[in-house]
Every structure is written in C-alpha cells, then in structure tokens.
Amino acid sequence: MKQTSINPLLIVLGTIIVQIGLGTIYTWSLFNQPLV
C-alpha cells in the first residue's frame, strides 16, 4: 500500500468548518424550538 501524506492544513480547515457548522446548528436551536 502506498502511504499518502495528508496536509495538516486540510485537517485544520476541516475541523474549523465542522465546528462552525455544529455551532451554527446549536445556536439556531437556542433561538428556535429545541431539536430534541
């Protein structure tokens, strides 16, 4: 198997995008009816 190197910058950007997405959903649920 060929080992591929993952760019650390992509991991950081992906993490930031996920955090922003989850934070947006959480904040939206605070101002509207709770999701659960």
PDB file of N, CA and C in Angstrom:
ATOM      1  N   MET A   1       0.845  -1.196   0.000  1.00  0.00           N
ATOM      2  CA  MET A   1       0.000   0.000   0.000  1.00  0.00           C
ATOM      3  C   MET A   1       0.877   1.242   0.000  1.00  0.00           C
ATOM      4  N   LYS A   2       0.513   2.173  -0.839  1.00  0.00           N
ATOM      5  CA  LYS A   2       1.283   3.416  -0.906  1.00  0.00           C
ATOM      6  C   LYS A   2       0.813   4.361   0.196  1.00  0.00           C
ATOM      7  N   GLN A   3       1.784   4.875   0.937  1.00  0.00           N
ATOM      8  CA  GLN A   3       1.442   5.789   2.024  1.00  0.00           C
ATOM      9  C   GLN A   3       1.266   7.201   1.466  1.00  0.00           C
ATOM     10  N   THR A   4       0.113   7.781   1.744  1.00  0.00           N
ATOM     11  CA  THR A   4      -0.145   9.141   1.275  1.00  0.00           C
ATOM     12  C   THR A   4      -0.076  10.094   2.458  1.00  0.00           C
ATOM     13  N   SER A   5       0.565  11.228   2.235  1.00  0.00           N
ATOM     14  CA  SER A   5       0.679  12.213   3.305  1.00  0.00           C
ATOM     15  C   SER A   5      -0.513  13.165   3.238  1.00  0.00           C
ATOM     16  N   ILE A   6      -1.097  13.406   4.405  1.00  0.00           N
ATOM     17  CA  ILE A   6      -2.246  14.307   4.484  1.00  0.00           C
ATOM     18  C   ILE A   6      -1.750  15.677   4.919  1.00  0.00           C
ATOM     19  N   ASN A   7      -2.212  16.691   4.210  1.00  0.00           N
ATOM     20  CA  ASN A   7      -1.805  18.050   4.525  1.00  0.00           C
ATOM     21  C   ASN A   7      -2.438  18.468   5.851  1.00  0.00           C
ATOM     22  N   PRO A   8      -1.635  18.821   6.860  1.00  0.00           N
ATOM     23  CA  PRO A   8      -2.186  19.228   8.161  1.00  0.00           C
ATOM     24  C   PRO A   8      -3.115  20.428   8.045  1.00  0.00           C
ATOM     25  N   LEU A   9      -2.872  21.271   7.048  1.00  0.00           N
ATOM     26  CA  LEU A   9      -3.727  22.445   6.875  1.00  0.00           C
ATOM     27  C   LEU A   9      -5.149  22.029   6.512  1.00  0.00           C
ATOM     28  N   LEU A  10      -5.279  20.945   5.736  1.00  0.00           N
ATOM     29  CA  LEU A  10      -6.611  20.464   5.378  1.00  0.00           C
ATOM     30  C   LEU A  10      -7.358  19.957   6.604  1.00  0.00           C
ATOM     31  N   ILE A  11      -6.640  19.322   7.520  1.00  0.00           N
ATOM     32  CA  ILE A  11      -7.269  18.824   8.742  1.00  0.00           C
ATOM     33  C   ILE A  11      -7.767  19.992   9.586  1.00  0.00           C
ATOM     34  N   VAL A  12      -6.944  21.031   9.695  1.00  0.00           N
ATOM     35  CA  VAL A  12      -7.335  22.205  10.478  1.00  0.00           C
ATOM     36  C   VAL A  12      -8.547  22.883   9.850  1.00  0.00           C
ATOM     37  N   LEU A  13      -8.512  23.069   8.538  1.00  0.00           N
ATOM     38  CA  LEU A  13      -9.634  23.715   7.859  1.00  0.00           C
ATOM     39  C   LEU A  13     -10.905  22.881   7.994  1.00  0.00           C
ATOM     40  N   GLY A  14     -10.779  21.578   7.857  1.00  0.00           N
ATOM     41  CA  GLY A  14     -11.938  20.702   8.001  1.00  0.00           C
ATOM     42  C   GLY A  14     -12.523  20.770   9.399  1.00  0.00           C
ATOM     43  N   THR A  15     -11.647  20.796  10.403  1.00  0.00           N
ATOM     44  CA  THR A  15     -12.109  20.878  11.782  1.00  0.00           C
ATOM     45  C   THR A  15     -12.843  22.185  12.036  1.00  0.00           C
ATOM     46  N   ILE A  16     -12.288  23.285  11.521  1.00  0.00           N
ATOM     47  CA  ILE A  16     -12.923  24.593  11.703  1.00  0.00           C
ATOM     48  C   ILE A  16     -14.300  24.612  11.040  1.00  0.00           C
ATOM     49  N   ILE A  17     -14.395  24.055   9.842  1.00  0.00           N
ATOM     50  CA  ILE A  17     -15.679  24.035   9.137  1.00  0.00           C
ATOM     51  C   ILE A  17     -16.710  23.222   9.918  1.00  0.00           C
ATOM     52  N   VAL A  18     -16.288  22.081  10.456  1.00  0.00           N
ATOM     53  CA  VAL A  18     -17.209  21.244  11.228  1.00  0.00           C
ATOM     54  C   VAL A  18     -17.661  21.978  12.489  1.00  0.00           C
ATOM     55  N   GLN A  19     -16.723  22.628  13.177  1.00  0.00           N
ATOM     56  CA  GLN A  19     -17.067  23.348  14.399  1.00  0.00           C
ATOM     57  C   GLN A  19     -18.033  24.488  14.119  1.00  0.00           C
ATOM     58  N   ILE A  20     -17.802  25.213  13.032  1.00  0.00           N
ATOM     59  CA  ILE A  20     -18.708  26.311  12.670  1.00  0.00           C
ATOM     60  C   ILE A  20     -20.092  25.754  12.345  1.00  0.00           C
ATOM     61  N   GLY A  21     -20.129  24.638  11.642  1.00  0.00           N
ATOM     62  CA  GLY A  21     -21.412  24.036  11.295  1.00  0.00           C
ATOM     63  C   GLY A  21     -22.178  23.594  12.531  1.00  0.00           C
ATOM     64  N   LEU A  22     -21.495  22.905  13.442  1.00  0.00           N
ATOM     65  CA  LEU A  22     -22.159  22.456  14.660  1.00  0.00           C
ATOM     66  C   LEU A  22     -22.580  23.640  15.522  1.00  0.00           C
ATOM     67  N   GLY A  23     -21.735  24.653  15.609  1.00  0.00           N
ATOM     68  CA  GLY A  23     -22.057  25.844  16.395  1.00  0.00           C
ATOM     69  C   GLY A  23     -23.252  26.578  15.828  1.00  0.00           C
ATOM     70  N   THR A  24     -23.348  26.631  14.506  1.00  0.00           N
ATOM     71  CA  THR A  24     -24.485  27.293  13.869  1.00  0.00           C
ATOM     72  C   THR A  24     -25.781  26.552  14.175  1.00  0.00           C
ATOM     73  N   ILE A  25     -25.750  25.233  14.081  1.00  0.00           N
ATOM     74  CA  ILE A  25     -26.946  24.437  14.375  1.00  0.00           C
ATOM     75  C   ILE A  25     -27.334  24.602  15.846  1.00  0.00           C
ATOM     76  N   TYR A  26     -26.352  24.583  16.738  1.00  0.00           N
ATOM     77  CA  TYR A  26     -26.635  24.706  18.167  1.00  0.00           C
ATOM     78  C   TYR A  26     -27.219  26.074  18.490  1.00  0.00           C
ATOM     79  N   THR A  27     -26.617  27.134  17.950  1.00  0.00           N
ATOM     80  CA  THR A  27     -27.102  28.487  18.206  1.00  0.00           C
ATOM     81  C   THR A  27     -28.494  28.679  17.626  1.00  0.00           C
ATOM     82  N   TRP A  28     -28.727  28.143  16.439  1.00  0.00           N
ATOM     83  CA  TRP A  28     -30.041  28.252  15.813  1.00  0.00           C
ATOM     84  C   TRP A  28     -31.094  27.559  16.661  1.00  0.00           C
ATOM     85  N   SER A  29     -30.731  26.422  17.263  1.00  0.00           N
ATOM     86  CA  SER A  29     -31.690  25.676  18.074  1.00  0.00           C
ATOM     87  C   SER A  29     -31.995  26.414  19.376  1.00  0.00           C
ATOM     88  N   LEU A  30     -31.093  27.297  19.817  1.00  0.00           N
ATOM     89  CA  LEU A  30     -31.361  28.065  21.027  1.00  0.00           C
ATOM     90  C   LEU A  30     -32.431  29.121  20.777  1.00  0.00           C
ATOM     91  N   PHE A  31     -32.434  29.692  19.577  1.00  0.00           N
ATOM     92  CA  PHE A  31     -33.382  30.753  19.261  1.00  0.00           C
ATOM     93  C   PHE A  31     -34.687  30.213  18.682  1.00  0.00           C
ATOM     94  N   ASN A  32     -34.742  28.917  18.433  1.00  0.00           N
ATOM     95  CA  ASN A  32     -35.961  28.291  17.921  1.00  0.00           C
ATOM     96  C   ASN A  32     -36.352  27.158  18.861  1.00  0.00           C
ATOM     97  N   GLN A  33     -37.298  26.355  18.440  1.00  0.00           N
ATOM     98  CA  GLN A  33     -37.674  25.208  19.247  1.00  0.00           C
ATOM     99  C   GLN A  33     -36.484  24.248  19.348  1.00  0.00           C
ATOM    100  N   PRO A  34     -36.240  23.713  20.530  1.00  0.00           N
ATOM    101  CA  PRO A  34     -35.140  22.744  20.681  1.00  0.00           C
ATOM    102  C   PRO A  34     -35.306  21.570  19.721  1.00  0.00           C
ATOM    103  N   LEU A  35     -34.194  21.085  19.199  1.00  0.00           N
ATOM    104  CA  LEU A  35     -34.239  19.998  18.228  1.00  0.00           C
ATOM    105  C   LEU A  35     -34.655  18.688  18.882  1.00  0.00           C
ATOM    106  N   VAL A  36     -34.351  18.553  20.171  1.00  0.00           N
ATOM    107  CA  VAL A  36     -34.665  17.299  20.866  1.00  0.00           C
ATOM    108  C   VAL A  36     -35.866  17.506  21.766  1.00  0.00           C
TER     109      VAL A  36
END
